[in-house]
Amino acid sequence: MKTIFITGASSGIGKATAELFAANGWQVIATMRNPEKGKELAKLSNVVVMPLDVTNSGQIEEVCRQVLAKYDIDVLFNNAGYGIMAPLERIPEQDIRKLFDTDVIGTMLVTQQFIPHFKKRRSGAILTTTSLAGTIAFPRDAVYGAAKRAQEGMVESLYYEMKPFGVAVKSMIPGGTKTNFQTPLNDMTGYEKVSANQRAYLLDGNAEFPLPENAARVIWEAATDGKDRLRYPTDSVCQKLYEQYLSMGTEKFKEYFSEILFG
């Protein structure tokens, strides 16, 4: 039985991914800050729910040590994280530091714990949920977007570090997703119309954002397809917008997107 270790598995993409892998016969180690939120997952026979706060380096070391002593992990899925959306000048320093502690440093510290394991077994995959905001810059996203670009930098660098050992390293790139993704700070002051235009752009004519189950299916593909591929947009809308940005280039896209945002 293959095994996947997931951070941030209590809801949204993490939970949907845990359910999908469990349904396909994998052993799932589903970690989250509050295991009470994992009661539904814990009912599944091949899911183990464990507490893990990725801002707690001591807990990271202990949980990963326990897991690696008991399980031969095939896939690490770094999914824990949250967002803040506000004009940069309105974001308190402590909120900036807290987000980076979770989304960037937490991801790096968890990944460090698994690298020796993957090098030794010379196979497996390290997947990380980044964001379309890690490629395309959006207004009110200076902090979250910067964190996600940092994750993308980690993923790309780690790809080269792990390639000689036969270990895949890939980023999962959601755009807008219909989840209860946490944005404890969501300040539109001065950007109310711009935010509405941005939302319309990300919806791309759809009434709602894609479900987390869509992302889970792409994550399954990334974990099992055996392809030497670095980035996986997790739904068709995100794929379209991602390819549009890459094909236009930064300068042309800036002009195009400014027109959408500011009319």
C-alpha atoms as a PDB file:
ATOM      1  CA  MET A   1       0.000   0.000   0.000  1.00  0.00           C
ATOM      2  CA  LYS A   2       1.376   3.391  -0.983  1.00  0.00           C
ATOM      3  CA  THR A   3       1.350   6.243   1.532  1.00  0.00           C
ATOM      4  CA  ILE A   4       0.862  10.004   1.291  1.00  0.00           C
ATOM      5  CA  PHE A   5       1.576  12.559   4.025  1.00  0.00           C
ATOM      6  CA  ILE A   6      -0.607  15.686   3.791  1.00  0.00           C
ATOM      7  CA  THR A   7      -0.410  18.954   5.716  1.00  0.00           C
ATOM      8  CA  GLY A   8      -3.462  21.185   6.028  1.00  0.00           C
ATOM      9  CA  ALA A   9      -5.870  18.288   5.495  1.00  0.00           C
ATOM     10  CA  SER A  10      -8.797  19.502   7.598  1.00  0.00           C
ATOM     11  CA  SER A  11     -10.715  21.121   4.739  1.00  0.00           C
ATOM     12  CA  GLY A  12     -10.679  22.241   1.129  1.00  0.00           C
ATOM     13  CA  ILE A  13      -8.035  20.879  -1.213  1.00  0.00           C
ATOM     14  CA  GLY A  14      -6.228  18.994   1.554  1.00  0.00           C
ATOM     15  CA  LYS A  15      -9.327  17.141   2.686  1.00  0.00           C
ATOM     16  CA  ALA A  16     -10.497  16.387  -0.871  1.00  0.00           C
ATOM     17  CA  THR A  17      -7.043  15.020  -1.687  1.00  0.00           C
ATOM     18  CA  ALA A  18      -7.011  12.841   1.434  1.00  0.00           C
ATOM     19  CA  GLU A  19     -10.402  11.409   0.507  1.00  0.00           C
ATOM     20  CA  LEU A  20      -9.414  10.729  -3.100  1.00  0.00           C
ATOM     21  CA  PHE A  21      -6.158   8.957  -2.236  1.00  0.00           C
ATOM     22  CA  ALA A  22      -7.889   6.922   0.466  1.00  0.00           C
ATOM     23  CA  ALA A  23     -10.592   5.905  -2.016  1.00  0.00           C
ATOM     24  CA  ASN A  24      -7.826   4.677  -4.330  1.00  0.00           C
ATOM     25  CA  GLY A  25      -6.365   2.413  -1.665  1.00  0.00           C
ATOM     26  CA  TRP A  26      -3.553   4.592  -0.345  1.00  0.00           C
ATOM     27  CA  GLN A  27      -2.609   4.960   3.279  1.00  0.00           C
ATOM     28  CA  VAL A  28      -3.179   8.617   4.126  1.00  0.00           C
ATOM     29  CA  ILE A  29      -1.493  10.511   6.958  1.00  0.00           C
ATOM     30  CA  ALA A  30      -3.725  13.576   7.251  1.00  0.00           C
ATOM     31  CA  THR A  31      -2.250  16.300   9.452  1.00  0.00           C
ATOM     32  CA  MET A  32      -3.849  19.528  10.656  1.00  0.00           C
ATOM     33  CA  ARG A  33      -3.569  22.063  13.454  1.00  0.00           C
ATOM     34  CA  ASN A  34      -6.831  20.945  15.046  1.00  0.00           C
ATOM     35  CA  PRO A  35      -7.463  17.173  14.754  1.00  0.00           C
ATOM     36  CA  GLU A  36     -11.065  17.745  15.894  1.00  0.00           C
ATOM     37  CA  LYS A  37     -11.693  19.009  12.378  1.00  0.00           C
ATOM     38  CA  GLY A  38     -10.526  15.658  11.003  1.00  0.00           C
ATOM     39  CA  LYS A  39     -13.197  13.485  12.607  1.00  0.00           C
ATOM     40  CA  GLU A  40     -14.830  12.733   9.258  1.00  0.00           C
ATOM     41  CA  LEU A  41     -11.516  11.697   7.697  1.00  0.00           C
ATOM     42  CA  ALA A  42     -10.603   9.610  10.740  1.00  0.00           C
ATOM     43  CA  LYS A  43     -13.629   7.387  10.078  1.00  0.00           C
ATOM     44  CA  LEU A  44     -11.931   6.082   6.921  1.00  0.00           C
ATOM     45  CA  SER A  45     -10.051   2.854   7.606  1.00  0.00           C
ATOM     46  CA  ASN A  46      -6.865   3.850   5.792  1.00  0.00           C
ATOM     47  CA  VAL A  47      -6.618   7.440   7.090  1.00  0.00           C
ATOM     48  CA  VAL A  48      -4.595   8.436  10.151  1.00  0.00           C
ATOM     49  CA  VAL A  49      -5.278  11.934  11.486  1.00  0.00           C
ATOM     50  CA  MET A  50      -2.424  13.619  13.355  1.00  0.00           C
ATOM     51  CA  PRO A  51      -1.964  17.091  14.864  1.00  0.00           C
ATOM     52  CA  LEU A  52       0.549  19.335  13.111  1.00  0.00           C
ATOM     53  CA  ASP A  53       0.975  23.079  13.363  1.00  0.00           C
ATOM     54  CA  VAL A  54       3.546  23.969  10.709  1.00  0.00           C
ATOM     55  CA  THR A  55       4.595  27.055  12.674  1.00  0.00           C
ATOM     56  CA  ASN A  56       5.783  24.777  15.503  1.00  0.00           C
ATOM     57  CA  SER A  57       9.225  23.501  14.508  1.00  0.00           C
ATOM     58  CA  GLY A  58       9.437  21.117  17.468  1.00  0.00           C
ATOM     59  CA  GLN A  59       6.134  19.515  16.560  1.00  0.00           C
ATOM     60  CA  ILE A  60       7.205  19.262  12.917  1.00  0.00           C
ATOM     61  CA  GLU A  61      10.321  17.331  13.906  1.00  0.00           C
ATOM     62  CA  GLU A  62       8.481  15.007  16.281  1.00  0.00           C
ATOM     63  CA  VAL A  63       5.514  14.223  14.020  1.00  0.00           C
ATOM     64  CA  CYS A  64       7.715  13.631  10.980  1.00  0.00           C
ATOM     65  CA  ARG A  65      10.046  11.441  13.043  1.00  0.00           C
ATOM     66  CA  GLN A  66       7.120   9.303  14.233  1.00  0.00           C
ATOM     67  CA  VAL A  67       5.652   9.006  10.742  1.00  0.00           C
ATOM     68  CA  LEU A  68       8.919   8.151   9.004  1.00  0.00           C
ATOM     69  CA  ALA A  69       9.693   5.526  11.648  1.00  0.00           C
ATOM     70  CA  LYS A  70       6.415   3.759  10.890  1.00  0.00           C
ATOM     71  CA  TYR A  71       5.589   4.441   7.234  1.00  0.00           C
ATOM     72  CA  ASP A  72       7.446   4.366   3.926  1.00  0.00           C
ATOM     73  CA  ILE A  73       6.124   7.665   2.592  1.00  0.00           C
ATOM     74  CA  ASP A  74       5.698   7.737  -1.193  1.00  0.00           C
ATOM     75  CA  VAL A  75       4.356  11.280  -1.488  1.00  0.00           C
ATOM     76  CA  LEU A  76       4.695  14.403   0.636  1.00  0.00           C
ATOM     77  CA  PHE A  77       1.941  16.909  -0.076  1.00  0.00           C
ATOM     78  CA  ASN A  78       2.622  20.350   1.413  1.00  0.00           C
ATOM     79  CA  ASN A  79      -0.796  21.938   1.512  1.00  0.00           C
ATOM     80  CA  ALA A  80      -1.023  23.874   4.789  1.00  0.00           C
ATOM     81  CA  GLY A  81      -1.419  27.597   4.367  1.00  0.00           C
ATOM     82  CA  TYR A  82      -3.762  30.557   4.284  1.00  0.00           C
ATOM     83  CA  GLY A  83      -4.066  33.955   2.650  1.00  0.00           C
ATOM     84  CA  ILE A  84      -4.415  37.620   3.442  1.00  0.00           C
ATOM     85  CA  MET A  85      -5.742  40.155   0.957  1.00  0.00           C
ATOM     86  CA  ALA A  86      -5.248  43.856   1.565  1.00  0.00           C
ATOM     87  CA  PRO A  87      -3.343  46.849   0.224  1.00  0.00           C
ATOM     88  CA  LEU A  88       0.236  46.460   1.390  1.00  0.00           C
ATOM     89  CA  GLU A  89       0.277  49.633   3.478  1.00  0.00           C
ATOM     90  CA  ARG A  90      -2.684  48.341   5.530  1.00  0.00           C
ATOM     91  CA  ILE A  91      -1.145  45.013   6.545  1.00  0.00           C
ATOM     92  CA  PRO A  92       0.350  44.943  10.073  1.00  0.00           C
ATOM     93  CA  GLU A  93       3.875  43.595  10.444  1.00  0.00           C
ATOM     94  CA  GLN A  94       2.748  40.727  12.676  1.00  0.00           C
ATOM     95  CA  ASP A  95       0.307  39.545   9.985  1.00  0.00           C
ATOM     96  CA  ILE A  96       3.068  39.548   7.369  1.00  0.00           C
ATOM     97  CA  ARG A  97       5.386  37.545   9.605  1.00  0.00           C
ATOM     98  CA  LYS A  98       2.656  35.088  10.632  1.00  0.00           C
ATOM     99  CA  LEU A  99       1.733  34.323   7.038  1.00  0.00           C
ATOM    100  CA  PHE A 100       5.348  33.749   6.023  1.00  0.00           C
ATOM    101  CA  ASP A 101       5.865  31.542   9.081  1.00  0.00           C
ATOM    102  CA  THR A 102       3.025  29.311   7.896  1.00  0.00           C
ATOM    103  CA  ASP A 103       3.108  29.383   4.116  1.00  0.00           C
ATOM    104  CA  VAL A 104       6.856  29.636   3.509  1.00  0.00           C
ATOM    105  CA  ILE A 105       8.914  28.631   6.533  1.00  0.00           C
ATOM    106  CA  GLY A 106       6.480  25.919   7.645  1.00  0.00           C
ATOM    107  CA  THR A 107       6.505  24.388   4.175  1.00  0.00           C
ATOM    108  CA  MET A 108      10.300  24.449   4.071  1.00  0.00           C
ATOM    109  CA  LEU A 109      10.722  22.911   7.527  1.00  0.00           C
ATOM    110  CA  VAL A 110       8.315  20.053   6.787  1.00  0.00           C
ATOM    111  CA  THR A 111      10.031  19.401   3.455  1.00  0.00           C
ATOM    112  CA  GLN A 112      13.456  19.302   5.132  1.00  0.00           C
ATOM    113  CA  GLN A 113      12.307  16.451   7.351  1.00  0.00           C
ATOM    114  CA  PHE A 114      11.416  14.276   4.357  1.00  0.00           C
ATOM    115  CA  ILE A 115      14.369  14.966   2.054  1.00  0.00           C
ATOM    116  CA  PRO A 116      16.741  12.355   3.585  1.00  0.00           C
ATOM    117  CA  HIS A 117      13.954   9.763   3.410  1.00  0.00           C
ATOM    118  CA  PHE A 118      13.327  10.396  -0.288  1.00  0.00           C
ATOM    119  CA  LYS A 119      17.019  10.500  -1.125  1.00  0.00           C
ATOM    120  CA  LYS A 120      17.542   7.158   0.567  1.00  0.00           C
ATOM    121  CA  ARG A 121      14.632   5.429  -1.185  1.00  0.00           C
ATOM    122  CA  ARG A 122      15.512   7.129  -4.526  1.00  0.00           C
ATOM    123  CA  SER A 123      11.879   7.507  -5.527  1.00  0.00           C
ATOM    124  CA  GLY A 124       8.725   9.339  -4.560  1.00  0.00           C
ATOM    125  CA  ALA A 125       7.284  12.815  -4.992  1.00  0.00           C
ATOM    126  CA  ILE A 126       7.211  16.115  -3.131  1.00  0.00           C
ATOM    127  CA  LEU A 127       4.136  18.152  -4.056  1.00  0.00           C
ATOM    128  CA  THR A 128       3.381  21.669  -2.820  1.00  0.00           C
ATOM    129  CA  THR A 129       0.224  23.742  -3.171  1.00  0.00           C
ATOM    130  CA  THR A 130       1.289  27.154  -4.400  1.00  0.00           C
ATOM    131  CA  SER A 131      -1.164  29.462  -6.193  1.00  0.00           C
ATOM    132  CA  LEU A 132      -1.832  31.265  -9.433  1.00  0.00           C
ATOM    133  CA  ALA A 133      -0.860  34.283  -7.308  1.00  0.00           C
ATOM    134  CA  GLY A 134       2.638  32.824  -7.258  1.00  0.00           C
ATOM    135  CA  THR A 135       2.836  33.469 -11.012  1.00  0.00           C
ATOM    136  CA  ILE A 136       0.415  36.325 -11.715  1.00  0.00           C
ATOM    137  CA  ALA A 137       0.557  39.332  -9.388  1.00  0.00           C
ATOM    138  CA  PHE A 138      -2.815  40.640  -8.198  1.00  0.00           C
ATOM    139  CA  PRO A 139      -3.656  43.858  -6.343  1.00  0.00           C
ATOM    140  CA  ARG A 140      -4.059  43.341  -2.571  1.00  0.00           C
ATOM    141  CA  ASP A 141      -1.915  40.210  -2.895  1.00  0.00           C
ATOM    142  CA  ALA A 142       1.555  41.626  -2.201  1.00  0.00           C
ATOM    143  CA  VAL A 143       2.136  39.490   0.900  1.00  0.00           C
ATOM    144  CA  TYR A 144       0.319  36.305  -0.122  1.00  0.00           C
ATOM    145  CA  GLY A 145       1.662  36.504  -3.672  1.00  0.00           C
ATOM    146  CA  ALA A 146       5.196  37.024  -2.377  1.00  0.00           C
ATOM    147  CA  ALA A 147       4.825  33.982  -0.116  1.00  0.00           C
ATOM    148  CA  LYS A 148       3.583  31.862  -2.986  1.00  0.00           C
ATOM    149  CA  ARG A 149       6.413  33.031  -5.238  1.00  0.00           C
ATOM    150  CA  ALA A 150       8.789  32.001  -2.459  1.00  0.00           C
ATOM    151  CA  GLN A 151       7.196  28.556  -2.476  1.00  0.00           C
ATOM    152  CA  GLU A 152       7.576  28.365  -6.248  1.00  0.00           C
ATOM    153  CA  GLY A 153      11.244  29.258  -5.854  1.00  0.00           C
ATOM    154  CA  MET A 154      11.682  26.483  -3.309  1.00  0.00           C
ATOM    155  CA  VAL A 155       9.942  23.968  -5.564  1.00  0.00           C
ATOM    156  CA  GLU A 156      11.994  24.848  -8.622  1.00  0.00           C
ATOM    157  CA  SER A 157      15.303  24.746  -6.756  1.00  0.00           C
ATOM    158  CA  LEU A 158      14.384  21.506  -5.023  1.00  0.00           C
ATOM    159  CA  TYR A 159      13.491  19.975  -8.384  1.00  0.00           C
ATOM    160  CA  TYR A 160      17.167  20.124  -9.357  1.00  0.00           C
ATOM    161  CA  GLU A 161      18.373  18.965  -5.948  1.00  0.00           C
ATOM    162  CA  MET A 162      16.171  15.866  -5.994  1.00  0.00           C
ATOM    163  CA  LYS A 163      16.389  14.951  -9.694  1.00  0.00           C
ATOM    164  CA  PRO A 164      19.626  12.914  -9.316  1.00  0.00           C
ATOM    165  CA  PHE A 165      17.817  10.803  -6.712  1.00  0.00           C
ATOM    166  CA  GLY A 166      14.801  10.007  -8.865  1.00  0.00           C
ATOM    167  CA  VAL A 167      12.429  12.087  -6.721  1.00  0.00           C
ATOM    168  CA  ALA A 168       9.773  14.212  -8.424  1.00  0.00           C
ATOM    169  CA  VAL A 169       9.186  17.760  -7.177  1.00  0.00           C
ATOM    170  CA  LYS A 170       6.067  19.527  -8.410  1.00  0.00           C
ATOM    171  CA  SER A 171       3.904  22.552  -7.631  1.00  0.00           C
ATOM    172  CA  MET A 172       0.111  22.344  -7.602  1.00  0.00           C
ATOM    173  CA  ILE A 173      -1.317  25.687  -8.757  1.00  0.00           C
ATOM    174  CA  PRO A 174      -4.915  26.529  -7.815  1.00  0.00           C
ATOM    175  CA  GLY A 175      -6.595  29.672  -9.048  1.00  0.00           C
ATOM    176  CA  GLY A 176      -9.898  30.554  -7.459  1.00  0.00           C
ATOM    177  CA  THR A 177     -11.273  27.476  -5.692  1.00  0.00           C
ATOM    178  CA  LYS A 178     -14.621  27.049  -3.935  1.00  0.00           C
ATOM    179  CA  THR A 179     -13.366  26.243  -0.445  1.00  0.00           C
ATOM    180  CA  ASN A 180     -13.395  27.778   3.019  1.00  0.00           C
ATOM    181  CA  PHE A 181      -9.803  28.893   2.426  1.00  0.00           C
ATOM    182  CA  GLN A 182      -8.886  31.151   5.312  1.00  0.00           C
ATOM    183  CA  THR A 183      -8.313  34.851   4.622  1.00  0.00           C
ATOM    184  CA  PRO A 184      -8.400  36.380   8.123  1.00  0.00           C
ATOM    185  CA  LEU A 185      -7.521  39.775   6.642  1.00  0.00           C
ATOM    186  CA  ASN A 186      -9.555  40.780   3.584  1.00  0.00           C
ATOM    187  CA  ASP A 187      -9.442  44.553   3.167  1.00  0.00           C
ATOM    188  CA  MET A 188     -10.797  46.077  -0.056  1.00  0.00           C
ATOM    189  CA  THR A 189     -10.441  49.713   1.044  1.00  0.00           C
ATOM    190  CA  GLY A 190      -9.898  51.816  -2.067  1.00  0.00           C
ATOM    191  CA  TYR A 191      -9.986  48.774  -4.344  1.00  0.00           C
ATOM    192  CA  GLU A 192     -13.643  47.764  -4.241  1.00  0.00           C
ATOM    193  CA  LYS A 193     -14.251  47.968  -8.005  1.00  0.00           C
ATOM    194  CA  VAL A 194     -10.810  46.559  -8.815  1.00  0.00           C
ATOM    195  CA  SER A 195     -11.503  43.560  -6.580  1.00  0.00           C
ATOM    196  CA  ALA A 196     -14.800  42.902  -8.349  1.00  0.00           C
ATOM    197  CA  ASN A 197     -13.071  43.076 -11.746  1.00  0.00           C
ATOM    198  CA  GLN A 198     -10.347  40.726 -10.526  1.00  0.00           C
ATOM    199  CA  ARG A 199     -12.928  38.222  -9.296  1.00  0.00           C
ATOM    200  CA  ALA A 200     -14.690  38.315 -12.669  1.00  0.00           C
ATOM    201  CA  TYR A 201     -11.370  37.670 -14.407  1.00  0.00           C
ATOM    202  CA  LEU A 202     -10.654  34.659 -12.206  1.00  0.00           C
ATOM    203  CA  LEU A 203     -14.169  33.272 -12.675  1.00  0.00           C
ATOM    204  CA  ASP A 204     -13.681  33.515 -16.471  1.00  0.00           C
ATOM    205  CA  GLY A 205     -17.416  33.595 -17.167  1.00  0.00           C
ATOM    206  CA  ASN A 206     -18.312  30.868 -14.677  1.00  0.00           C
ATOM    207  CA  ALA A 207     -20.865  31.350 -11.903  1.00  0.00           C
ATOM    208  CA  GLU A 208     -18.633  29.756  -9.274  1.00  0.00           C
ATOM    209  CA  PHE A 209     -15.022  28.765  -8.732  1.00  0.00           C
ATOM    210  CA  PRO A 210     -14.002  25.126  -9.306  1.00  0.00           C
ATOM    211  CA  LEU A 211     -14.500  22.674  -6.455  1.00  0.00           C
ATOM    212  CA  PRO A 212     -11.554  21.326  -4.430  1.00  0.00           C
ATOM    213  CA  GLU A 213     -12.298  17.884  -5.852  1.00  0.00           C
ATOM    214  CA  ASN A 214     -11.105  19.203  -9.235  1.00  0.00           C
ATOM    215  CA  ALA A 215      -7.766  20.098  -7.676  1.00  0.00           C
ATOM    216  CA  ALA A 216      -7.564  16.723  -5.921  1.00  0.00           C
ATOM    217  CA  ARG A 217      -7.847  14.914  -9.251  1.00  0.00           C
ATOM    218  CA  VAL A 218      -4.931  16.911 -10.664  1.00  0.00           C
ATOM    219  CA  ILE A 219      -2.902  16.233  -7.518  1.00  0.00           C
ATOM    220  CA  TRP A 220      -3.604  12.520  -7.994  1.00  0.00           C
ATOM    221  CA  GLU A 221      -2.373  12.845 -11.577  1.00  0.00           C
ATOM    222  CA  ALA A 222       0.794  14.633 -10.493  1.00  0.00           C
ATOM    223  CA  ALA A 223       1.536  12.004  -7.851  1.00  0.00           C
ATOM    224  CA  THR A 224       1.012   9.036 -10.152  1.00  0.00           C
ATOM    225  CA  ASP A 225       1.722  10.036 -13.767  1.00  0.00           C
ATOM    226  CA  GLY A 226       5.500   9.520 -13.596  1.00  0.00           C
ATOM    227  CA  LYS A 227       6.059  12.621 -15.731  1.00  0.00           C
ATOM    228  CA  ASP A 228       9.031  14.946 -15.428  1.00  0.00           C
ATOM    229  CA  ARG A 229       6.785  17.991 -15.128  1.00  0.00           C
ATOM    230  CA  LEU A 230       7.204  20.873 -12.698  1.00  0.00           C
ATOM    231  CA  ARG A 231       3.913  22.801 -12.561  1.00  0.00           C
ATOM    232  CA  TYR A 232       0.283  21.640 -12.568  1.00  0.00           C
ATOM    233  CA  PRO A 233      -2.548  24.194 -12.703  1.00  0.00           C
ATOM    234  CA  THR A 234      -5.339  22.438 -10.823  1.00  0.00           C
ATOM    235  CA  ASP A 235      -8.349  23.240 -13.028  1.00  0.00           C
ATOM    236  CA  SER A 236      -9.120  24.234 -16.611  1.00  0.00           C
ATOM    237  CA  VAL A 237      -9.719  27.923 -15.818  1.00  0.00           C
ATOM    238  CA  CYS A 238      -6.428  28.236 -13.966  1.00  0.00           C
ATOM    239  CA  GLN A 239      -4.688  26.395 -16.806  1.00  0.00           C
ATOM    240  CA  LYS A 240      -6.103  28.899 -19.309  1.00  0.00           C
ATOM    241  CA  LEU A 241      -5.099  31.972 -17.296  1.00  0.00           C
ATOM    242  CA  TYR A 242      -1.678  30.528 -16.482  1.00  0.00           C
ATOM    243  CA  GLU A 243      -0.932  29.807 -20.146  1.00  0.00           C
ATOM    244  CA  GLN A 244      -2.247  33.242 -21.134  1.00  0.00           C
ATOM    245  CA  TYR A 245       0.186  34.935 -18.761  1.00  0.00           C
ATOM    246  CA  LEU A 246       3.140  32.860 -19.957  1.00  0.00           C
ATOM    247  CA  SER A 247       2.336  33.391 -23.636  1.00  0.00           C
ATOM    248  CA  MET A 248       1.899  37.162 -23.309  1.00  0.00           C
ATOM    249  CA  GLY A 249       4.925  37.839 -21.122  1.00  0.00           C
ATOM    250  CA  THR A 250       5.074  40.180 -18.158  1.00  0.00           C
ATOM    251  CA  GLU A 251       4.994  43.541 -19.963  1.00  0.00           C
ATOM    252  CA  LYS A 252       2.154  42.769 -22.367  1.00  0.00           C
ATOM    253  CA  PHE A 253       0.139  41.054 -19.663  1.00  0.00           C
ATOM    254  CA  LYS A 254       0.563  44.064 -17.356  1.00  0.00           C
ATOM    255  CA  GLU A 255      -1.082  46.289 -19.959  1.00  0.00           C
ATOM    256  CA  TYR A 256      -3.822  43.766 -20.688  1.00  0.00           C
ATOM    257  CA  PHE A 257      -4.593  43.130 -17.010  1.00  0.00           C
ATOM    258  CA  SER A 258      -4.502  46.817 -16.106  1.00  0.00           C
ATOM    259  CA  GLU A 259      -7.240  47.406 -18.654  1.00  0.00           C
ATOM    260  CA  ILE A 260      -9.348  44.638 -17.055  1.00  0.00           C
ATOM    261  CA  LEU A 261      -8.796  45.964 -13.549  1.00  0.00           C
ATOM    262  CA  PHE A 262      -9.078  49.691 -14.111  1.00  0.00           C
ATOM    263  CA  GLY A 263     -10.981  49.893 -17.405  1.00  0.00           C
END
